[in-house]
Amino acid sequence: MDFTEPYFNFLLALATLYERIFIEDSLEVARHRFAVVAGDIAIEKIRALHPTIDLVVVENNIVELKKVHNSKVLGYIGAQGAAVVSLKSNNMDELAVTGSIRIYIK
């Protein structure tokens, strides 16, 4: 039996091309391809919450963002801090955090 409430929840950033409209935490992400970093604890939760999202697992944030930039995937899903730092440090001004997905960890 599971009586505990989620004890940790956080927002994952959705980074897409800058001109993309803001993506709400909803079915707007359904049936689209998003890159995620291999081994990210959130992958399992994302798949459970949004089973129609096509997750492309890549080795790191830079690979993710390059796939977004080259239109191989609609966006990147990951920690907001990592997304912002990667965008700025790699001069990817045409990409931006345009949405979020909330996940809960027990």
C-alpha atoms as a PDB file:
ATOM      1  CA  MET A   1       0.000   0.000   0.000  1.00  0.00           C
ATOM      2  CA  ASP A   2       1.100   3.534  -0.719  1.00  0.00           C
ATOM      3  CA  PHE A   3       0.031   6.086   1.893  1.00  0.00           C
ATOM      4  CA  THR A   4       2.688   8.752   1.436  1.00  0.00           C
ATOM      5  CA  GLU A   5       2.286  11.932  -0.519  1.00  0.00           C
ATOM      6  CA  PRO A   6       4.990  12.896  -3.002  1.00  0.00           C
ATOM      7  CA  TYR A   7       7.814  14.406  -0.986  1.00  0.00           C
ATOM      8  CA  PHE A   8       9.651  16.100  -3.817  1.00  0.00           C
ATOM      9  CA  ASN A   9       8.256  17.861  -6.845  1.00  0.00           C
ATOM     10  CA  PHE A  10       9.987  20.045  -9.346  1.00  0.00           C
ATOM     11  CA  LEU A  11       9.626  21.587 -12.760  1.00  0.00           C
ATOM     12  CA  LEU A  12      11.579  20.272 -15.694  1.00  0.00           C
ATOM     13  CA  ALA A  13      12.383  22.824 -18.360  1.00  0.00           C
ATOM     14  CA  LEU A  14      11.256  22.446 -21.954  1.00  0.00           C
ATOM     15  CA  ALA A  15      13.766  24.156 -24.243  1.00  0.00           C
ATOM     16  CA  THR A  16      12.761  24.701 -27.870  1.00  0.00           C
ATOM     17  CA  LEU A  17      13.536  27.056 -30.714  1.00  0.00           C
ATOM     18  CA  TYR A  18      13.008  30.623 -29.526  1.00  0.00           C
ATOM     19  CA  GLU A  19      10.105  31.348 -31.874  1.00  0.00           C
ATOM     20  CA  ARG A  20       8.116  28.436 -30.457  1.00  0.00           C
ATOM     21  CA  ILE A  21       5.169  29.577 -28.380  1.00  0.00           C
ATOM     22  CA  PHE A  22       5.200  28.798 -24.670  1.00  0.00           C
ATOM     23  CA  ILE A  23       4.393  25.142 -24.009  1.00  0.00           C
ATOM     24  CA  GLU A  24       2.154  24.564 -21.020  1.00  0.00           C
ATOM     25  CA  ASP A  25       2.356  21.410 -18.896  1.00  0.00           C
ATOM     26  CA  SER A  26      -0.341  19.672 -20.922  1.00  0.00           C
ATOM     27  CA  LEU A  27      -1.008  17.466 -23.888  1.00  0.00           C
ATOM     28  CA  GLU A  28       0.676  20.037 -26.138  1.00  0.00           C
ATOM     29  CA  VAL A  29       3.817  17.923 -25.829  1.00  0.00           C
ATOM     30  CA  ALA A  30       2.037  14.705 -26.809  1.00  0.00           C
ATOM     31  CA  ARG A  31       3.258  12.890 -29.895  1.00  0.00           C
ATOM     32  CA  HIS A  32       6.362  15.071 -30.217  1.00  0.00           C
ATOM     33  CA  ARG A  33      10.020  14.087 -29.936  1.00  0.00           C
ATOM     34  CA  PHE A  34      12.010  15.464 -27.011  1.00  0.00           C
ATOM     35  CA  ALA A  35      15.627  14.794 -26.078  1.00  0.00           C
ATOM     36  CA  VAL A  36      16.542  13.766 -22.518  1.00  0.00           C
ATOM     37  CA  VAL A  37      19.905  12.930 -20.938  1.00  0.00           C
ATOM     38  CA  ALA A  38      20.603   9.220 -20.403  1.00  0.00           C
ATOM     39  CA  GLY A  39      20.185   8.157 -16.794  1.00  0.00           C
ATOM     40  CA  ASP A  40      18.018  11.147 -15.821  1.00  0.00           C
ATOM     41  CA  ILE A  41      15.769  10.128 -12.918  1.00  0.00           C
ATOM     42  CA  ALA A  42      12.898  12.015 -14.568  1.00  0.00           C
ATOM     43  CA  ILE A  43      12.723   9.802 -17.695  1.00  0.00           C
ATOM     44  CA  GLU A  44      10.570   7.181 -15.983  1.00  0.00           C
ATOM     45  CA  LYS A  45       8.257   9.861 -14.549  1.00  0.00           C
ATOM     46  CA  ILE A  46       7.912  11.666 -17.887  1.00  0.00           C
ATOM     47  CA  ARG A  47       6.996   8.424 -19.628  1.00  0.00           C
ATOM     48  CA  ALA A  48       4.419   7.642 -16.946  1.00  0.00           C
ATOM     49  CA  LEU A  49       2.822  11.103 -17.048  1.00  0.00           C
ATOM     50  CA  HIS A  50       3.021  11.635 -20.816  1.00  0.00           C
ATOM     51  CA  PRO A  51       3.196   8.201 -22.496  1.00  0.00           C
ATOM     52  CA  THR A  52       2.735   9.633 -25.999  1.00  0.00           C
ATOM     53  CA  ILE A  53       5.914  11.739 -25.846  1.00  0.00           C
ATOM     54  CA  ASP A  54       8.700  10.218 -27.942  1.00  0.00           C
ATOM     55  CA  LEU A  55      11.815  10.534 -25.767  1.00  0.00           C
ATOM     56  CA  VAL A  56      15.179  10.456 -27.534  1.00  0.00           C
ATOM     57  CA  VAL A  57      17.862   9.548 -25.002  1.00  0.00           C
ATOM     58  CA  VAL A  58      21.197  11.321 -25.598  1.00  0.00           C
ATOM     59  CA  GLU A  59      24.515  11.441 -23.772  1.00  0.00           C
ATOM     60  CA  ASN A  60      24.499  15.045 -22.473  1.00  0.00           C
ATOM     61  CA  ASN A  61      22.840  18.479 -22.543  1.00  0.00           C
ATOM     62  CA  ILE A  62      24.934  19.751 -25.441  1.00  0.00           C
ATOM     63  CA  VAL A  63      23.872  16.856 -27.677  1.00  0.00           C
ATOM     64  CA  GLU A  64      20.255  17.494 -26.650  1.00  0.00           C
ATOM     65  CA  LEU A  65      20.361  21.159 -27.499  1.00  0.00           C
ATOM     66  CA  LYS A  66      22.091  20.554 -30.830  1.00  0.00           C
ATOM     67  CA  LYS A  67      19.289  18.147 -31.764  1.00  0.00           C
ATOM     68  CA  VAL A  68      16.755  20.877 -30.965  1.00  0.00           C
ATOM     69  CA  HIS A  69      18.772  23.433 -32.932  1.00  0.00           C
ATOM     70  CA  ASN A  70      18.945  21.087 -35.945  1.00  0.00           C
ATOM     71  CA  SER A  71      15.210  20.283 -35.656  1.00  0.00           C
ATOM     72  CA  LYS A  72      15.850  16.580 -34.961  1.00  0.00           C
ATOM     73  CA  VAL A  73      13.562  16.901 -31.923  1.00  0.00           C
ATOM     74  CA  LEU A  74      10.978  19.497 -30.899  1.00  0.00           C
ATOM     75  CA  GLY A  75      12.719  20.234 -27.636  1.00  0.00           C
ATOM     76  CA  TYR A  76      14.838  19.286 -24.651  1.00  0.00           C
ATOM     77  CA  ILE A  77      13.418  18.186 -21.301  1.00  0.00           C
ATOM     78  CA  GLY A  78      15.659  18.513 -18.270  1.00  0.00           C
ATOM     79  CA  ALA A  79      16.704  20.511 -15.255  1.00  0.00           C
ATOM     80  CA  GLN A  80      16.081  24.192 -15.784  1.00  0.00           C
ATOM     81  CA  GLY A  81      19.459  25.284 -14.423  1.00  0.00           C
ATOM     82  CA  ALA A  82      21.323  22.885 -16.696  1.00  0.00           C
ATOM     83  CA  ALA A  83      19.301  24.039 -19.700  1.00  0.00           C
ATOM     84  CA  VAL A  84      19.962  27.735 -19.100  1.00  0.00           C
ATOM     85  CA  VAL A  85      23.695  27.247 -18.450  1.00  0.00           C
ATOM     86  CA  SER A  86      24.080  25.058 -21.537  1.00  0.00           C
ATOM     87  CA  LEU A  87      22.202  27.537 -23.734  1.00  0.00           C
ATOM     88  CA  LYS A  88      24.268  30.505 -22.570  1.00  0.00           C
ATOM     89  CA  SER A  89      27.666  28.810 -22.523  1.00  0.00           C
ATOM     90  CA  ASN A  90      27.206  27.442 -26.046  1.00  0.00           C
ATOM     91  CA  ASN A  91      25.798  30.642 -27.591  1.00  0.00           C
ATOM     92  CA  MET A  92      22.539  28.992 -28.602  1.00  0.00           C
ATOM     93  CA  ASP A  93      20.587  32.242 -28.662  1.00  0.00           C
ATOM     94  CA  GLU A  94      17.973  30.814 -31.021  1.00  0.00           C
ATOM     95  CA  LEU A  95      16.862  28.389 -28.272  1.00  0.00           C
ATOM     96  CA  ALA A  96      14.999  29.246 -25.088  1.00  0.00           C
ATOM     97  CA  VAL A  97      13.140  27.655 -22.184  1.00  0.00           C
ATOM     98  CA  THR A  98       9.564  27.802 -23.477  1.00  0.00           C
ATOM     99  CA  GLY A  99       7.700  25.594 -21.040  1.00  0.00           C
ATOM    100  CA  SER A 100       7.831  23.102 -18.217  1.00  0.00           C
ATOM    101  CA  ILE A 101       6.620  19.733 -16.954  1.00  0.00           C
ATOM    102  CA  ARG A 102       6.026  19.165 -13.228  1.00  0.00           C
ATOM    103  CA  ILE A 103       7.018  15.774 -11.854  1.00  0.00           C
ATOM    104  CA  TYR A 104       6.687  14.260  -8.395  1.00  0.00           C
ATOM    105  CA  ILE A 105       9.186  11.919  -6.741  1.00  0.00           C
ATOM    106  CA  LYS A 106       8.269   9.696  -3.792  1.00  0.00           C
END
